[in-house]
Amino acid sequence: MSRHAFEEQLDVLHRKLMSMGTFVEEAIHKSIKSLVERDVQLAEEVIAGDPVINELEQEIQSDCFRLIALQQPVGSDLRRLGTMLKLVTDLERMGDHAVSISKTTRRLMVEPYIKPLIDLPLMADHVKTMVRDCLNAYIARNKEAAEEIAARDDIVDKLFATIFRDLIEVMTKNGNAISQGTHLLLVAQYLERIADHVTNICEWIIYMSTGKMTDLNK
C-alpha cells in the first residue's frame, strides 16, 4: 500500500470515528433529556440506536487491525491507529451508559420524582461538554486541551458527591424513596463513568501527540 493510499484510509477511519463520536454525544444528550422531561420515546430512541454505535466500533477496529497488518506502521502512524482503537472502546462504553440512563427513564416513567432533578442535569451538561471537547482535542491533536479537559473531571466528581449526599438524605428520611433514589444514584454513577472515559481518551490524545503515556486519573 502506498503512502498516499495509507493516508486516505486513515482519513476514512478518522471520519468514521467522528461519526461514532457524534452518535455517542447525541445519545448522552437524549438520555439525560429523556430522564429530566420523562420522555420515554426519546429514551427508546437511544436504546434503539445503540447497535449503530456498536457496529461502528467493530468496523473501525477491523479497519485499524487491517491497516496495521498491511502497512506495519511505526512511530506516529502506529500511535494514531492505537489511539483510534482505544477511543472507539471508550466511546462504545459511553454509549452503553447512555442506554442505561435511558432504561432508568423507562423504569421511573410512572413515578413522581422524590426530589427536583437539578444537579443531575448540571452534571450531565459538564459531561457532555467534556465529550465534545475531547473529540475536538483529538482532531487537533491538542495535548494542552486534553490536559485541561481531563482536569474538569474534578467538577464532575464534586457534583457526584453532592448528588450522592442529597439522595442518601432523602432515602434515609423516606423509606419509600429508596428504590427510585438508588436508580438516580446509578444515573449519577453512569455520568461519572462517562467522564472517566473522557479522561482515558485525553490520556491517549497526549500519547498520540507525544509518544508518552500520562496518568490523568489523579
N, C-alpha and C. Protein backbone atom coordinates (compact mmCIF):
# COMPACT_ATOMS: atom_id res chain seq x y z
N MET A 1 0.85 -1.20 0.00
CA MET A 1 0.00 0.00 0.00
C MET A 1 0.88 1.24 0.00
N SER A 2 0.60 2.18 -0.92
CA SER A 2 1.39 3.41 -1.00
C SER A 2 1.08 4.31 0.18
N ARG A 3 1.98 5.28 0.41
CA ARG A 3 1.77 6.24 1.49
C ARG A 3 0.47 7.03 1.27
N HIS A 4 0.22 7.39 0.02
CA HIS A 4 -0.98 8.16 -0.29
C HIS A 4 -2.23 7.34 0.03
N ALA A 5 -2.22 6.07 -0.35
CA ALA A 5 -3.37 5.20 -0.07
C ALA A 5 -3.56 5.01 1.43
N PHE A 6 -2.44 4.88 2.15
CA PHE A 6 -2.49 4.74 3.60
C PHE A 6 -3.12 5.97 4.24
N GLU A 7 -2.72 7.15 3.80
CA GLU A 7 -3.28 8.39 4.34
C GLU A 7 -4.77 8.49 4.03
N GLU A 8 -5.17 8.03 2.86
CA GLU A 8 -6.59 8.04 2.51
C GLU A 8 -7.39 7.13 3.43
N GLN A 9 -6.84 5.96 3.72
CA GLN A 9 -7.50 5.03 4.62
C GLN A 9 -7.59 5.59 6.04
N LEU A 10 -6.54 6.25 6.48
CA LEU A 10 -6.57 6.89 7.79
C LEU A 10 -7.65 7.97 7.84
N ASP A 11 -7.79 8.71 6.75
CA ASP A 11 -8.80 9.76 6.69
C ASP A 11 -10.21 9.17 6.77
N VAL A 12 -10.43 8.04 6.09
CA VAL A 12 -11.72 7.36 6.16
C VAL A 12 -12.01 6.91 7.59
N LEU A 13 -10.99 6.33 8.24
CA LEU A 13 -11.14 5.90 9.62
C LEU A 13 -11.46 7.07 10.54
N HIS A 14 -10.78 8.17 10.30
CA HIS A 14 -10.99 9.37 11.10
C HIS A 14 -12.44 9.84 10.99
N ARG A 15 -12.99 9.85 9.78
CA ARG A 15 -14.37 10.28 9.58
C ARG A 15 -15.35 9.33 10.26
N LYS A 16 -15.07 8.03 10.21
CA LYS A 16 -15.93 7.06 10.89
C LYS A 16 -15.91 7.29 12.40
N LEU A 17 -14.72 7.56 12.93
CA LEU A 17 -14.60 7.77 14.37
C LEU A 17 -15.36 9.03 14.79
N MET A 18 -15.28 10.09 13.98
CA MET A 18 -16.00 11.32 14.29
C MET A 18 -17.51 11.09 14.22
N SER A 19 -17.95 10.26 13.27
CA SER A 19 -19.36 9.92 13.18
C SER A 19 -19.81 9.17 14.43
N MET A 20 -18.99 8.23 14.87
CA MET A 20 -19.31 7.48 16.09
C MET A 20 -19.37 8.43 17.29
N GLY A 21 -18.42 9.35 17.37
CA GLY A 21 -18.41 10.32 18.46
C GLY A 21 -19.67 11.17 18.48
N THR A 22 -20.15 11.55 17.30
CA THR A 22 -21.39 12.34 17.21
C THR A 22 -22.58 11.54 17.70
N PHE A 23 -22.66 10.26 17.30
CA PHE A 23 -23.75 9.40 17.77
C PHE A 23 -23.73 9.28 19.29
N VAL A 24 -22.54 9.10 19.86
CA VAL A 24 -22.43 8.94 21.31
C VAL A 24 -22.82 10.23 22.03
N GLU A 25 -22.33 11.35 21.52
CA GLU A 25 -22.66 12.63 22.14
C GLU A 25 -24.18 12.86 22.13
N GLU A 26 -24.82 12.55 21.02
CA GLU A 26 -26.27 12.70 20.92
C GLU A 26 -26.99 11.74 21.86
N ALA A 27 -26.47 10.52 22.00
CA ALA A 27 -27.09 9.54 22.89
C ALA A 27 -27.06 10.02 24.34
N ILE A 28 -25.93 10.59 24.75
CA ILE A 28 -25.82 11.11 26.12
C ILE A 28 -26.82 12.25 26.33
N HIS A 29 -26.87 13.16 25.36
CA HIS A 29 -27.79 14.30 25.45
C HIS A 29 -29.24 13.82 25.54
N LYS A 30 -29.63 12.91 24.66
CA LYS A 30 -31.01 12.42 24.63
C LYS A 30 -31.36 11.64 25.89
N SER A 31 -30.40 10.87 26.40
CA SER A 31 -30.70 10.03 27.57
C SER A 31 -31.02 10.88 28.79
N ILE A 32 -30.22 11.91 29.04
CA ILE A 32 -30.48 12.73 30.23
C ILE A 32 -31.71 13.62 30.01
N LYS A 33 -31.92 14.06 28.77
CA LYS A 33 -33.12 14.84 28.45
C LYS A 33 -34.37 13.99 28.66
N SER A 34 -34.29 12.72 28.27
CA SER A 34 -35.43 11.83 28.45
C SER A 34 -35.76 11.66 29.92
N LEU A 35 -34.72 11.61 30.76
CA LEU A 35 -34.94 11.44 32.20
C LEU A 35 -35.57 12.69 32.81
N VAL A 36 -35.01 13.84 32.47
CA VAL A 36 -35.50 15.10 33.05
C VAL A 36 -36.92 15.40 32.60
N GLU A 37 -37.20 15.16 31.31
CA GLU A 37 -38.51 15.51 30.75
C GLU A 37 -39.48 14.33 30.76
N ARG A 38 -39.03 13.20 31.29
CA ARG A 38 -39.85 11.99 31.36
C ARG A 38 -40.36 11.62 29.97
N ASP A 39 -39.45 11.67 29.01
CA ASP A 39 -39.77 11.42 27.61
C ASP A 39 -39.32 9.99 27.26
N VAL A 40 -40.25 9.05 27.38
CA VAL A 40 -39.91 7.65 27.15
C VAL A 40 -39.58 7.39 25.68
N GLN A 41 -40.26 8.10 24.78
CA GLN A 41 -39.98 7.92 23.35
C GLN A 41 -38.53 8.26 23.04
N LEU A 42 -38.05 9.34 23.65
CA LEU A 42 -36.65 9.74 23.44
C LEU A 42 -35.71 8.68 24.02
N ALA A 43 -36.06 8.12 25.16
CA ALA A 43 -35.26 7.06 25.76
C ALA A 43 -35.20 5.85 24.84
N GLU A 44 -36.32 5.52 24.23
CA GLU A 44 -36.35 4.37 23.32
C GLU A 44 -35.49 4.62 22.08
N GLU A 45 -35.40 5.87 21.64
CA GLU A 45 -34.53 6.21 20.51
C GLU A 45 -33.07 5.91 20.84
N VAL A 46 -32.67 6.24 22.06
CA VAL A 46 -31.29 5.97 22.48
C VAL A 46 -31.02 4.47 22.50
N ILE A 47 -31.95 3.73 23.09
CA ILE A 47 -31.78 2.27 23.19
C ILE A 47 -31.74 1.64 21.80
N ALA A 48 -32.64 2.08 20.92
CA ALA A 48 -32.70 1.52 19.57
C ALA A 48 -31.48 1.89 18.73
N GLY A 49 -30.85 3.02 19.06
CA GLY A 49 -29.70 3.47 18.28
C GLY A 49 -28.37 2.88 18.72
N ASP A 50 -28.36 2.15 19.83
CA ASP A 50 -27.10 1.61 20.35
C ASP A 50 -26.41 0.65 19.38
N PRO A 51 -27.14 -0.20 18.65
CA PRO A 51 -26.45 -1.09 17.69
C PRO A 51 -25.63 -0.35 16.64
N VAL A 52 -26.04 0.86 16.29
CA VAL A 52 -25.27 1.65 15.31
C VAL A 52 -23.89 1.97 15.88
N ILE A 53 -23.86 2.35 17.15
CA ILE A 53 -22.58 2.66 17.81
C ILE A 53 -21.73 1.40 17.91
N ASN A 54 -22.35 0.29 18.27
CA ASN A 54 -21.61 -0.97 18.38
C ASN A 54 -21.02 -1.41 17.04
N GLU A 55 -21.81 -1.26 15.99
CA GLU A 55 -21.34 -1.64 14.66
C GLU A 55 -20.18 -0.76 14.20
N LEU A 56 -20.26 0.52 14.50
CA LEU A 56 -19.16 1.42 14.14
C LEU A 56 -17.89 1.04 14.89
N GLU A 57 -18.04 0.69 16.17
CA GLU A 57 -16.86 0.26 16.93
C GLU A 57 -16.20 -0.94 16.27
N GLN A 58 -16.98 -1.95 15.93
CA GLN A 58 -16.43 -3.16 15.32
C GLN A 58 -15.82 -2.87 13.95
N GLU A 59 -16.47 -2.01 13.19
CA GLU A 59 -15.98 -1.67 11.85
C GLU A 59 -14.64 -0.93 11.93
N ILE A 60 -14.57 0.03 12.83
CA ILE A 60 -13.34 0.81 12.98
C ILE A 60 -12.20 -0.08 13.50
N GLN A 61 -12.51 -0.94 14.46
CA GLN A 61 -11.49 -1.86 14.97
C GLN A 61 -10.96 -2.77 13.86
N SER A 62 -11.86 -3.32 13.07
CA SER A 62 -11.44 -4.21 11.97
C SER A 62 -10.56 -3.46 10.97
N ASP A 63 -10.96 -2.23 10.63
CA ASP A 63 -10.18 -1.43 9.68
C ASP A 63 -8.80 -1.10 10.24
N CYS A 64 -8.74 -0.79 11.54
CA CYS A 64 -7.45 -0.49 12.16
C CYS A 64 -6.51 -1.69 12.11
N PHE A 65 -7.03 -2.85 12.51
CA PHE A 65 -6.20 -4.06 12.50
C PHE A 65 -5.76 -4.42 11.09
N ARG A 66 -6.64 -4.20 10.12
CA ARG A 66 -6.27 -4.50 8.73
C ARG A 66 -5.14 -3.58 8.27
N LEU A 67 -5.22 -2.30 8.62
CA LEU A 67 -4.17 -1.36 8.23
C LEU A 67 -2.85 -1.69 8.92
N ILE A 68 -2.94 -2.08 10.19
CA ILE A 68 -1.72 -2.45 10.91
C ILE A 68 -1.06 -3.66 10.26
N ALA A 69 -1.87 -4.64 9.87
CA ALA A 69 -1.34 -5.86 9.25
C ALA A 69 -0.74 -5.56 7.87
N LEU A 70 -1.40 -4.73 7.09
CA LEU A 70 -0.95 -4.47 5.72
C LEU A 70 0.21 -3.49 5.65
N GLN A 71 0.13 -2.46 6.51
CA GLN A 71 1.11 -1.37 6.41
C GLN A 71 2.27 -1.51 7.38
N GLN A 72 2.04 -2.27 8.47
CA GLN A 72 3.04 -2.40 9.53
C GLN A 72 3.60 -1.03 9.94
N PRO A 73 2.71 -0.13 10.37
CA PRO A 73 3.14 1.24 10.68
C PRO A 73 4.03 1.30 11.92
N VAL A 74 4.82 2.34 11.99
CA VAL A 74 5.68 2.60 13.14
C VAL A 74 5.51 4.06 13.55
N GLY A 75 6.07 4.40 14.68
CA GLY A 75 6.10 5.79 15.12
C GLY A 75 4.73 6.41 15.26
N SER A 76 4.57 7.61 14.72
CA SER A 76 3.33 8.37 14.89
C SER A 76 2.15 7.68 14.22
N ASP A 77 2.39 6.97 13.11
CA ASP A 77 1.30 6.26 12.45
C ASP A 77 0.73 5.16 13.34
N LEU A 78 1.61 4.42 13.98
CA LEU A 78 1.16 3.35 14.87
C LEU A 78 0.45 3.93 16.09
N ARG A 79 0.96 5.04 16.61
CA ARG A 79 0.31 5.68 17.76
C ARG A 79 -1.09 6.16 17.38
N ARG A 80 -1.23 6.67 16.17
CA ARG A 80 -2.53 7.16 15.73
C ARG A 80 -3.54 6.02 15.63
N LEU A 81 -3.13 4.91 15.06
CA LEU A 81 -4.04 3.76 14.95
C LEU A 81 -4.35 3.17 16.33
N GLY A 82 -3.33 3.10 17.18
CA GLY A 82 -3.55 2.60 18.54
C GLY A 82 -4.51 3.49 19.31
N THR A 83 -4.39 4.79 19.12
CA THR A 83 -5.29 5.73 19.78
C THR A 83 -6.71 5.55 19.29
N MET A 84 -6.88 5.35 17.99
CA MET A 84 -8.22 5.11 17.45
C MET A 84 -8.85 3.87 18.09
N LEU A 85 -8.07 2.81 18.23
CA LEU A 85 -8.58 1.58 18.82
C LEU A 85 -9.05 1.81 20.26
N LYS A 86 -8.31 2.61 21.01
CA LYS A 86 -8.71 2.89 22.39
C LYS A 86 -9.91 3.82 22.44
N LEU A 87 -9.94 4.81 21.54
CA LEU A 87 -11.04 5.76 21.53
C LEU A 87 -12.38 5.08 21.28
N VAL A 88 -12.42 4.18 20.30
CA VAL A 88 -13.71 3.56 19.97
C VAL A 88 -14.21 2.69 21.13
N THR A 89 -13.29 2.09 21.87
CA THR A 89 -13.70 1.30 23.04
C THR A 89 -14.33 2.18 24.09
N ASP A 90 -13.70 3.32 24.38
CA ASP A 90 -14.26 4.24 25.37
C ASP A 90 -15.57 4.84 24.89
N LEU A 91 -15.65 5.18 23.61
CA LEU A 91 -16.89 5.75 23.08
C LEU A 91 -18.04 4.75 23.15
N GLU A 92 -17.75 3.49 22.83
CA GLU A 92 -18.79 2.46 22.89
C GLU A 92 -19.32 2.31 24.31
N ARG A 93 -18.44 2.38 25.28
CA ARG A 93 -18.88 2.25 26.67
C ARG A 93 -19.67 3.47 27.12
N MET A 94 -19.32 4.63 26.62
CA MET A 94 -20.14 5.82 26.90
C MET A 94 -21.55 5.61 26.37
N GLY A 95 -21.64 5.06 25.16
CA GLY A 95 -22.96 4.78 24.59
C GLY A 95 -23.74 3.80 25.44
N ASP A 96 -23.07 2.81 26.00
CA ASP A 96 -23.73 1.85 26.90
C ASP A 96 -24.30 2.55 28.13
N HIS A 97 -23.55 3.51 28.66
CA HIS A 97 -24.04 4.25 29.83
C HIS A 97 -25.25 5.10 29.48
N ALA A 98 -25.26 5.67 28.28
CA ALA A 98 -26.43 6.44 27.83
C ALA A 98 -27.65 5.53 27.74
N VAL A 99 -27.45 4.31 27.26
CA VAL A 99 -28.54 3.33 27.21
C VAL A 99 -29.04 3.02 28.62
N SER A 100 -28.13 2.86 29.55
CA SER A 100 -28.52 2.56 30.94
C SER A 100 -29.35 3.70 31.53
N ILE A 101 -28.96 4.93 31.24
CA ILE A 101 -29.74 6.09 31.72
C ILE A 101 -31.13 6.06 31.11
N SER A 102 -31.20 5.74 29.81
CA SER A 102 -32.50 5.68 29.12
C SER A 102 -33.39 4.59 29.70
N LYS A 103 -32.80 3.48 30.08
CA LYS A 103 -33.59 2.40 30.69
C LYS A 103 -34.12 2.84 32.07
N THR A 104 -33.37 3.71 32.73
CA THR A 104 -33.86 4.26 34.00
C THR A 104 -35.08 5.13 33.76
N THR A 105 -35.06 5.92 32.69
CA THR A 105 -36.24 6.72 32.32
C THR A 105 -37.45 5.81 32.18
N ARG A 106 -37.26 4.70 31.52
CA ARG A 106 -38.35 3.74 31.29
C ARG A 106 -38.87 3.20 32.62
N ARG A 107 -37.96 2.90 33.55
CA ARG A 107 -38.37 2.32 34.84
C ARG A 107 -39.14 3.31 35.70
N LEU A 108 -38.77 4.60 35.60
CA LEU A 108 -39.32 5.60 36.51
C LEU A 108 -40.45 6.42 35.89
N MET A 109 -40.93 6.02 34.73
CA MET A 109 -41.88 6.84 33.98
C MET A 109 -43.18 7.09 34.72
N VAL A 110 -43.59 6.20 35.62
CA VAL A 110 -44.89 6.36 36.30
C VAL A 110 -44.74 6.93 37.71
N GLU A 111 -43.52 7.22 38.13
CA GLU A 111 -43.30 7.69 39.49
C GLU A 111 -43.00 9.19 39.53
N PRO A 112 -43.61 9.93 40.46
CA PRO A 112 -43.15 11.31 40.67
C PRO A 112 -41.74 11.28 41.26
N TYR A 113 -40.92 12.22 40.85
CA TYR A 113 -39.55 12.23 41.36
C TYR A 113 -39.52 12.61 42.84
N ILE A 114 -38.62 11.96 43.56
CA ILE A 114 -38.53 12.17 45.00
C ILE A 114 -37.92 13.53 45.34
N LYS A 115 -37.25 14.14 44.37
CA LYS A 115 -36.72 15.49 44.52
C LYS A 115 -36.52 16.07 43.13
N PRO A 116 -36.53 17.39 43.00
CA PRO A 116 -36.31 18.00 41.69
C PRO A 116 -34.93 17.61 41.13
N LEU A 117 -34.89 17.32 39.84
CA LEU A 117 -33.63 16.96 39.20
C LEU A 117 -32.90 18.23 38.78
N ILE A 118 -32.00 18.67 39.64
CA ILE A 118 -31.25 19.90 39.39
C ILE A 118 -29.77 19.61 39.14
N ASP A 119 -29.15 18.91 40.08
CA ASP A 119 -27.72 18.64 39.95
C ASP A 119 -27.41 17.59 38.89
N LEU A 120 -28.32 16.64 38.67
CA LEU A 120 -28.08 15.62 37.64
C LEU A 120 -27.96 16.25 36.25
N PRO A 121 -28.90 17.12 35.84
CA PRO A 121 -28.73 17.77 34.53
C PRO A 121 -27.49 18.64 34.46
N LEU A 122 -27.15 19.28 35.58
CA LEU A 122 -25.93 20.09 35.61
C LEU A 122 -24.69 19.22 35.41
N MET A 123 -24.67 18.11 36.09
CA MET A 123 -23.58 17.14 35.93
C MET A 123 -23.51 16.66 34.49
N ALA A 124 -24.67 16.36 33.91
CA ALA A 124 -24.72 15.89 32.53
C ALA A 124 -24.20 16.95 31.56
N ASP A 125 -24.52 18.22 31.82
CA ASP A 125 -24.02 19.30 30.95
C ASP A 125 -22.50 19.34 30.94
N HIS A 126 -21.90 19.20 32.12
CA HIS A 126 -20.44 19.18 32.20
C HIS A 126 -19.87 17.98 31.44
N VAL A 127 -20.51 16.83 31.61
CA VAL A 127 -20.02 15.61 30.95
C VAL A 127 -20.12 15.73 29.44
N LYS A 128 -21.28 16.23 28.95
CA LYS A 128 -21.47 16.38 27.50
C LYS A 128 -20.43 17.33 26.91
N THR A 129 -20.14 18.41 27.61
CA THR A 129 -19.13 19.35 27.13
C THR A 129 -17.75 18.70 27.10
N MET A 130 -17.45 17.89 28.10
CA MET A 130 -16.16 17.18 28.11
C MET A 130 -16.04 16.24 26.91
N VAL A 131 -17.14 15.53 26.60
CA VAL A 131 -17.11 14.60 25.46
C VAL A 131 -16.85 15.36 24.17
N ARG A 132 -17.61 16.43 23.94
CA ARG A 132 -17.44 17.21 22.72
C ARG A 132 -16.03 17.80 22.62
N ASP A 133 -15.55 18.34 23.73
CA ASP A 133 -14.24 18.99 23.70
C ASP A 133 -13.10 18.00 23.52
N CYS A 134 -13.25 16.79 24.07
CA CYS A 134 -12.17 15.81 23.91
C CYS A 134 -12.10 15.32 22.47
N LEU A 135 -13.25 15.25 21.78
CA LEU A 135 -13.23 14.88 20.38
C LEU A 135 -12.57 15.98 19.54
N ASN A 136 -12.83 17.23 19.89
CA ASN A 136 -12.16 18.34 19.20
C ASN A 136 -10.66 18.33 19.47
N ALA A 137 -10.28 17.98 20.70
CA ALA A 137 -8.85 17.90 21.04
C ALA A 137 -8.18 16.78 20.26
N TYR A 138 -8.92 15.68 20.06
CA TYR A 138 -8.38 14.58 19.25
C TYR A 138 -8.15 15.03 17.82
N ILE A 139 -9.12 15.74 17.24
CA ILE A 139 -8.99 16.22 15.87
C ILE A 139 -7.76 17.12 15.75
N ALA A 140 -7.59 18.00 16.73
CA ALA A 140 -6.48 18.96 16.69
C ALA A 140 -5.17 18.39 17.24
N ARG A 141 -5.22 17.18 17.79
CA ARG A 141 -4.06 16.59 18.47
C ARG A 141 -3.47 17.57 19.49
N ASN A 142 -4.38 18.14 20.27
CA ASN A 142 -4.02 19.22 21.18
C ASN A 142 -3.77 18.68 22.59
N LYS A 143 -2.51 18.54 22.93
CA LYS A 143 -2.11 17.99 24.23
C LYS A 143 -2.59 18.87 25.38
N GLU A 144 -2.43 20.19 25.24
CA GLU A 144 -2.81 21.10 26.32
C GLU A 144 -4.32 21.07 26.57
N ALA A 145 -5.09 21.01 25.49
CA ALA A 145 -6.54 20.93 25.64
C ALA A 145 -6.93 19.63 26.34
N ALA A 146 -6.28 18.54 25.98
CA ALA A 146 -6.58 17.24 26.61
C ALA A 146 -6.33 17.30 28.11
N GLU A 147 -5.24 17.92 28.52
CA GLU A 147 -4.94 18.04 29.95
C GLU A 147 -6.00 18.88 30.67
N GLU A 148 -6.42 19.97 30.04
CA GLU A 148 -7.42 20.86 30.65
C GLU A 148 -8.77 20.17 30.77
N ILE A 149 -9.15 19.41 29.74
CA ILE A 149 -10.44 18.70 29.75
C ILE A 149 -10.45 17.65 30.86
N ALA A 150 -9.37 16.89 30.97
CA ALA A 150 -9.29 15.85 32.00
C ALA A 150 -9.40 16.45 33.40
N ALA A 151 -8.86 17.66 33.58
CA ALA A 151 -8.91 18.30 34.89
C ALA A 151 -10.34 18.62 35.31
N ARG A 152 -11.25 18.75 34.34
CA ARG A 152 -12.64 19.05 34.66
C ARG A 152 -13.34 17.87 35.34
N ASP A 153 -12.73 16.72 35.30
CA ASP A 153 -13.32 15.54 35.97
C ASP A 153 -13.53 15.81 37.45
N ASP A 154 -12.72 16.70 38.03
CA ASP A 154 -12.88 17.05 39.45
C ASP A 154 -14.24 17.69 39.69
N ILE A 155 -14.71 18.52 38.74
CA ILE A 155 -16.02 19.16 38.88
C ILE A 155 -17.11 18.10 38.88
N VAL A 156 -16.99 17.14 37.96
CA VAL A 156 -17.97 16.06 37.87
C VAL A 156 -17.98 15.24 39.16
N ASP A 157 -16.80 14.95 39.69
CA ASP A 157 -16.71 14.17 40.93
C ASP A 157 -17.37 14.91 42.10
N LYS A 158 -17.20 16.22 42.15
CA LYS A 158 -17.81 17.00 43.23
C LYS A 158 -19.33 17.01 43.11
N LEU A 159 -19.82 17.11 41.87
CA LEU A 159 -21.27 17.06 41.67
C LEU A 159 -21.82 15.68 42.03
N PHE A 160 -21.06 14.64 41.70
CA PHE A 160 -21.48 13.29 42.08
C PHE A 160 -21.58 13.17 43.60
N ALA A 161 -20.61 13.72 44.31
CA ALA A 161 -20.62 13.65 45.78
C ALA A 161 -21.83 14.39 46.34
N THR A 162 -22.17 15.52 45.74
CA THR A 162 -23.34 16.30 46.18
C THR A 162 -24.63 15.52 45.95
N ILE A 163 -24.76 14.94 44.76
CA ILE A 163 -25.95 14.15 44.42
C ILE A 163 -26.08 12.95 45.34
N PHE A 164 -24.96 12.28 45.57
CA PHE A 164 -24.95 11.11 46.45
C PHE A 164 -25.43 11.49 47.85
N ARG A 165 -24.88 12.57 48.38
CA ARG A 165 -25.24 13.02 49.73
C ARG A 165 -26.73 13.38 49.82
N ASP A 166 -27.21 14.12 48.83
CA ASP A 166 -28.61 14.57 48.85
C ASP A 166 -29.58 13.40 48.74
N LEU A 167 -29.27 12.46 47.84
CA LEU A 167 -30.17 11.32 47.67
C LEU A 167 -30.17 10.40 48.88
N ILE A 168 -29.00 10.21 49.48
CA ILE A 168 -28.93 9.39 50.70
C ILE A 168 -29.76 10.02 51.80
N GLU A 169 -29.72 11.35 51.90
CA GLU A 169 -30.51 12.05 52.92
C GLU A 169 -32.00 11.83 52.70
N VAL A 170 -32.44 11.93 51.43
CA VAL A 170 -33.86 11.71 51.11
C VAL A 170 -34.26 10.28 51.44
N MET A 171 -33.42 9.32 51.07
CA MET A 171 -33.75 7.91 51.30
C MET A 171 -33.76 7.57 52.78
N THR A 172 -32.90 8.22 53.54
CA THR A 172 -32.85 7.98 54.99
C THR A 172 -34.14 8.45 55.67
N LYS A 173 -34.67 9.57 55.16
CA LYS A 173 -35.88 10.13 55.76
C LYS A 173 -37.15 9.45 55.26
N ASN A 174 -37.07 8.85 54.06
CA ASN A 174 -38.26 8.26 53.47
C ASN A 174 -37.92 6.91 52.85
N GLY A 175 -38.33 5.84 53.55
CA GLY A 175 -38.02 4.50 53.07
C GLY A 175 -38.63 4.19 51.72
N ASN A 176 -39.75 4.85 51.38
CA ASN A 176 -40.39 4.63 50.09
C ASN A 176 -39.59 5.20 48.92
N ALA A 177 -38.60 6.03 49.25
CA ALA A 177 -37.79 6.68 48.21
C ALA A 177 -36.55 5.86 47.85
N ILE A 178 -36.34 4.76 48.54
CA ILE A 178 -35.08 4.02 48.37
C ILE A 178 -34.92 3.48 46.95
N SER A 179 -35.98 2.88 46.41
CA SER A 179 -35.86 2.28 45.08
C SER A 179 -35.51 3.32 44.02
N GLN A 180 -36.30 4.40 43.96
CA GLN A 180 -36.02 5.44 42.97
C GLN A 180 -34.68 6.12 43.24
N GLY A 181 -34.41 6.37 44.52
CA GLY A 181 -33.14 7.02 44.87
C GLY A 181 -31.95 6.21 44.39
N THR A 182 -32.06 4.88 44.49
CA THR A 182 -30.98 4.01 44.03
C THR A 182 -30.79 4.14 42.52
N HIS A 183 -31.90 4.19 41.78
CA HIS A 183 -31.81 4.34 40.32
C HIS A 183 -31.17 5.69 39.94
N LEU A 184 -31.54 6.74 40.65
CA LEU A 184 -30.97 8.05 40.36
C LEU A 184 -29.49 8.11 40.72
N LEU A 185 -29.13 7.41 41.79
CA LEU A 185 -27.70 7.32 42.13
C LEU A 185 -26.92 6.61 41.02
N LEU A 186 -27.53 5.60 40.43
CA LEU A 186 -26.87 4.89 39.33
C LEU A 186 -26.70 5.80 38.12
N VAL A 187 -27.71 6.65 37.86
CA VAL A 187 -27.58 7.60 36.75
C VAL A 187 -26.37 8.51 36.98
N ALA A 188 -26.23 9.01 38.20
CA ALA A 188 -25.07 9.85 38.53
C ALA A 188 -23.77 9.08 38.33
N GLN A 189 -23.79 7.81 38.70
CA GLN A 189 -22.60 6.98 38.53
C GLN A 189 -22.29 6.76 37.05
N TYR A 190 -23.33 6.58 36.22
CA TYR A 190 -23.10 6.42 34.78
C TYR A 190 -22.44 7.68 34.21
N LEU A 191 -22.92 8.84 34.63
CA LEU A 191 -22.34 10.09 34.16
C LEU A 191 -20.89 10.23 34.62
N GLU A 192 -20.65 9.85 35.86
CA GLU A 192 -19.28 9.92 36.39
C GLU A 192 -18.35 9.01 35.61
N ARG A 193 -18.84 7.85 35.21
CA ARG A 193 -18.02 6.91 34.43
C ARG A 193 -17.77 7.43 33.02
N ILE A 194 -18.75 8.12 32.44
CA ILE A 194 -18.52 8.72 31.13
C ILE A 194 -17.38 9.72 31.21
N ALA A 195 -17.38 10.52 32.27
CA ALA A 195 -16.28 11.48 32.46
C ALA A 195 -14.95 10.77 32.60
N ASP A 196 -14.95 9.61 33.25
CA ASP A 196 -13.71 8.82 33.37
C ASP A 196 -13.24 8.33 32.00
N HIS A 197 -14.18 7.95 31.15
CA HIS A 197 -13.80 7.53 29.79
C HIS A 197 -13.23 8.71 29.00
N VAL A 198 -13.77 9.90 29.22
CA VAL A 198 -13.21 11.08 28.58
C VAL A 198 -11.76 11.28 29.02
N THR A 199 -11.52 11.09 30.30
CA THR A 199 -10.14 11.21 30.81
C THR A 199 -9.22 10.19 30.15
N ASN A 200 -9.72 8.96 29.97
CA ASN A 200 -8.92 7.95 29.27
C ASN A 200 -8.56 8.42 27.86
N ILE A 201 -9.56 8.97 27.16
CA ILE A 201 -9.31 9.46 25.80
C ILE A 201 -8.27 10.57 25.81
N CYS A 202 -8.36 11.45 26.79
CA CYS A 202 -7.38 12.54 26.90
C CYS A 202 -5.97 12.01 27.07
N GLU A 203 -5.82 10.95 27.84
CA GLU A 203 -4.50 10.33 28.01
C GLU A 203 -3.97 9.82 26.67
N TRP A 204 -4.86 9.25 25.86
CA TRP A 204 -4.42 8.72 24.56
C TRP A 204 -4.16 9.82 23.55
N ILE A 205 -4.85 10.94 23.68
CA ILE A 205 -4.54 12.10 22.83
C ILE A 205 -3.12 12.58 23.11
N ILE A 206 -2.77 12.62 24.38
CA ILE A 206 -1.41 13.03 24.76
C ILE A 206 -0.39 12.02 24.24
N TYR A 207 -0.72 10.74 24.36
CA TYR A 207 0.18 9.70 23.84
C TYR A 207 0.35 9.83 22.33
N MET A 208 -0.75 10.05 21.62
CA MET A 208 -0.68 10.21 20.17
C MET A 208 0.21 11.38 19.79
N SER A 209 0.16 12.44 20.58
CA SER A 209 0.91 13.66 20.27
C SER A 209 2.37 13.59 20.67
N THR A 210 2.64 12.89 21.79
CA THR A 210 3.99 12.94 22.36
C THR A 210 4.71 11.60 22.40
N GLY A 211 3.96 10.50 22.31
CA GLY A 211 4.57 9.18 22.46
C GLY A 211 4.74 8.77 23.90
N LYS A 212 4.22 9.57 24.85
CA LYS A 212 4.37 9.28 26.27
C LYS A 212 2.99 9.08 26.91
N MET A 213 2.88 8.02 27.72
CA MET A 213 1.65 7.78 28.46
C MET A 213 1.64 8.63 29.73
N THR A 214 0.51 9.26 29.99
CA THR A 214 0.35 10.14 31.14
C THR A 214 -0.86 9.70 31.94
N ASP A 215 -0.72 9.60 33.26
CA ASP A 215 -1.84 9.24 34.12
C ASP A 215 -2.55 10.51 34.54
N LEU A 216 -3.75 10.72 34.00
CA LEU A 216 -4.53 11.91 34.33
C LEU A 216 -5.58 11.62 35.38
N ASN A 217 -5.68 10.38 35.85
CA ASN A 217 -6.65 9.99 36.88
C ASN A 217 -6.04 10.16 38.26
N LYS A 218 -5.65 11.35 38.58
CA LYS A 218 -5.01 11.59 39.88
C LYS A 218 -5.91 12.44 40.75
